[in-house]
Protein backbone atom coordinates (compact mmCIF):
# COMPACT_ATOMS: atom_id res chain seq x y z
CA MET A 1 -27.07 51.69 -44.29
CA ARG A 2 -23.96 49.79 -43.47
CA THR A 3 -22.04 52.93 -45.00
CA LEU A 4 -23.71 55.12 -42.67
CA THR A 5 -22.95 53.49 -39.44
CA LEU A 6 -19.22 52.91 -40.57
CA THR A 7 -19.05 56.80 -41.33
CA GLY A 8 -21.04 57.95 -38.20
CA ALA A 9 -18.78 55.90 -36.18
CA ALA A 10 -15.55 57.28 -37.75
CA VAL A 11 -16.58 60.84 -37.15
CA LEU A 12 -17.20 60.08 -33.67
CA ALA A 13 -14.14 58.36 -33.15
CA ALA A 14 -12.23 61.24 -34.95
CA ALA A 15 -14.08 63.99 -32.43
CA LEU A 16 -13.31 61.95 -29.53
CA LEU A 17 -9.53 61.58 -30.35
CA THR A 18 -9.20 65.42 -31.33
CA ALA A 19 -10.70 66.59 -28.02
CA CYS A 20 -7.85 65.87 -25.87
CA ASP A 21 -4.36 67.39 -26.93
CA GLY A 22 -0.66 66.47 -25.50
CA THR A 23 -0.72 69.01 -22.78
CA ASP A 24 -3.72 68.15 -20.81
CA ALA A 25 -3.74 66.75 -17.18
CA PRO A 26 -5.03 63.14 -16.38
CA THR A 27 -8.74 63.51 -14.42
CA ALA A 28 -7.78 60.47 -12.27
CA PRO A 29 -5.85 61.05 -8.83
CA ARG A 30 -2.23 59.80 -9.07
CA ILE A 31 -1.60 57.17 -6.57
CA GLN A 32 1.92 57.60 -4.87
CA PRO A 33 3.85 54.66 -4.13
CA ARG A 34 4.29 54.41 -0.10
CA VAL A 35 7.44 52.32 0.07
CA ALA A 36 8.77 54.18 3.01
CA ASP A 37 5.52 53.89 5.22
CA ALA A 38 5.87 49.69 4.50
CA GLY A 39 9.17 49.95 6.50
CA HIS A 40 11.21 48.03 4.33
CA ASN A 41 12.70 50.11 1.29
CA ALA A 42 16.07 49.21 1.19
CA ALA A 43 17.46 46.52 -1.21
CA ASP A 44 20.55 44.53 -1.90
CA HIS A 45 20.91 43.61 -5.82
CA PHE A 46 24.15 41.19 -6.52
CA LYS A 47 24.88 39.60 -10.01
CA VAL A 48 26.46 36.23 -10.34
CA ASP A 49 28.87 35.00 -13.08
CA GLU A 50 31.38 32.34 -11.90
CA PRO A 51 32.84 28.89 -12.87
CA ILE A 52 31.51 25.86 -11.47
CA ALA A 53 32.37 22.31 -11.44
CA PHE A 54 30.91 19.18 -10.10
CA GLN A 55 30.51 15.50 -10.76
CA LEU A 56 27.39 13.37 -11.59
CA GLN A 57 27.15 9.89 -11.67
CA SER A 58 25.60 8.24 -14.72
CA PRO A 59 22.07 6.50 -14.37
CA CYS A 60 23.42 4.19 -17.23
CA ASN A 61 26.77 2.48 -16.01
CA GLY A 62 27.62 4.18 -12.55
CA GLU A 63 30.50 6.20 -13.88
CA LEU A 64 31.39 9.63 -12.60
CA VAL A 65 30.94 12.57 -15.36
CA ASP A 66 33.09 15.66 -14.83
CA MET A 67 31.01 18.69 -15.03
CA VAL A 68 32.61 22.07 -16.19
CA GLY A 69 30.56 25.48 -16.76
CA ARG A 70 29.42 28.42 -15.41
CA GLU A 71 26.67 29.48 -13.16
CA THR A 72 25.13 33.05 -14.13
CA GLY A 73 22.28 34.94 -12.44
CA GLN A 74 21.25 37.78 -9.93
CA ILE A 75 19.81 37.70 -6.10
CA ASN A 76 17.61 40.69 -5.04
CA SER A 77 16.68 41.05 -1.44
CA VAL A 78 14.29 43.95 0.13
CA ASP A 79 13.52 44.90 4.01
CA LYS A 80 14.72 47.34 6.13
CA GLN A 81 18.86 47.65 5.90
CA GLU A 82 19.53 46.43 9.51
CA ASN A 83 17.89 42.85 8.74
CA LEU A 84 19.53 43.06 5.08
CA ASP A 85 23.01 43.61 6.95
CA ASN A 86 21.88 40.50 9.24
CA GLY A 87 21.03 38.28 5.87
CA ASN A 88 17.44 38.44 6.50
CA ALA A 89 14.91 39.82 4.10
CA VAL A 90 11.15 40.24 3.82
CA HIS A 91 11.38 39.50 -0.07
CA PHE A 92 13.96 37.31 -1.67
CA GLU A 93 14.25 36.57 -5.33
CA HIS A 94 17.13 34.09 -7.15
CA LEU A 95 17.59 33.52 -10.78
CA GLY A 96 20.24 31.52 -11.57
CA ASN A 97 21.19 29.63 -15.03
CA VAL A 98 23.70 26.71 -14.94
CA VAL A 99 25.54 25.66 -18.33
CA ALA A 100 27.86 22.93 -18.28
CA THR A 101 29.40 20.54 -19.95
CA GLY A 102 30.25 16.62 -19.08
CA THR A 103 33.05 14.63 -20.01
CA VAL A 104 33.83 11.08 -19.56
CA MET A 105 37.21 9.10 -19.62
CA ILE A 106 36.94 6.15 -21.84
CA GLY A 107 39.37 3.44 -21.42
């Protein structure tokens, strides 16, 4: 009985898979993006890659540690172009990564 059930399921699956070929159009209507209607169809994208240097105070002994490294990342802003030109954005995203090494003077 189990063999007949699996065989029937395999035949049904094969029939469904062969019923459509790659040239058939989808039956569901496509939803067109309406970015222009939203009123904020301009975007600014900036990449960040610059050296950094700063000091941190050691919590152990209060000594200042000189940190040197790089900051990398990107900034994305979306709004009307006139607002972007003024430094404003309806959507703002900043992704950043800081990698730095500290050195301490032992003396």
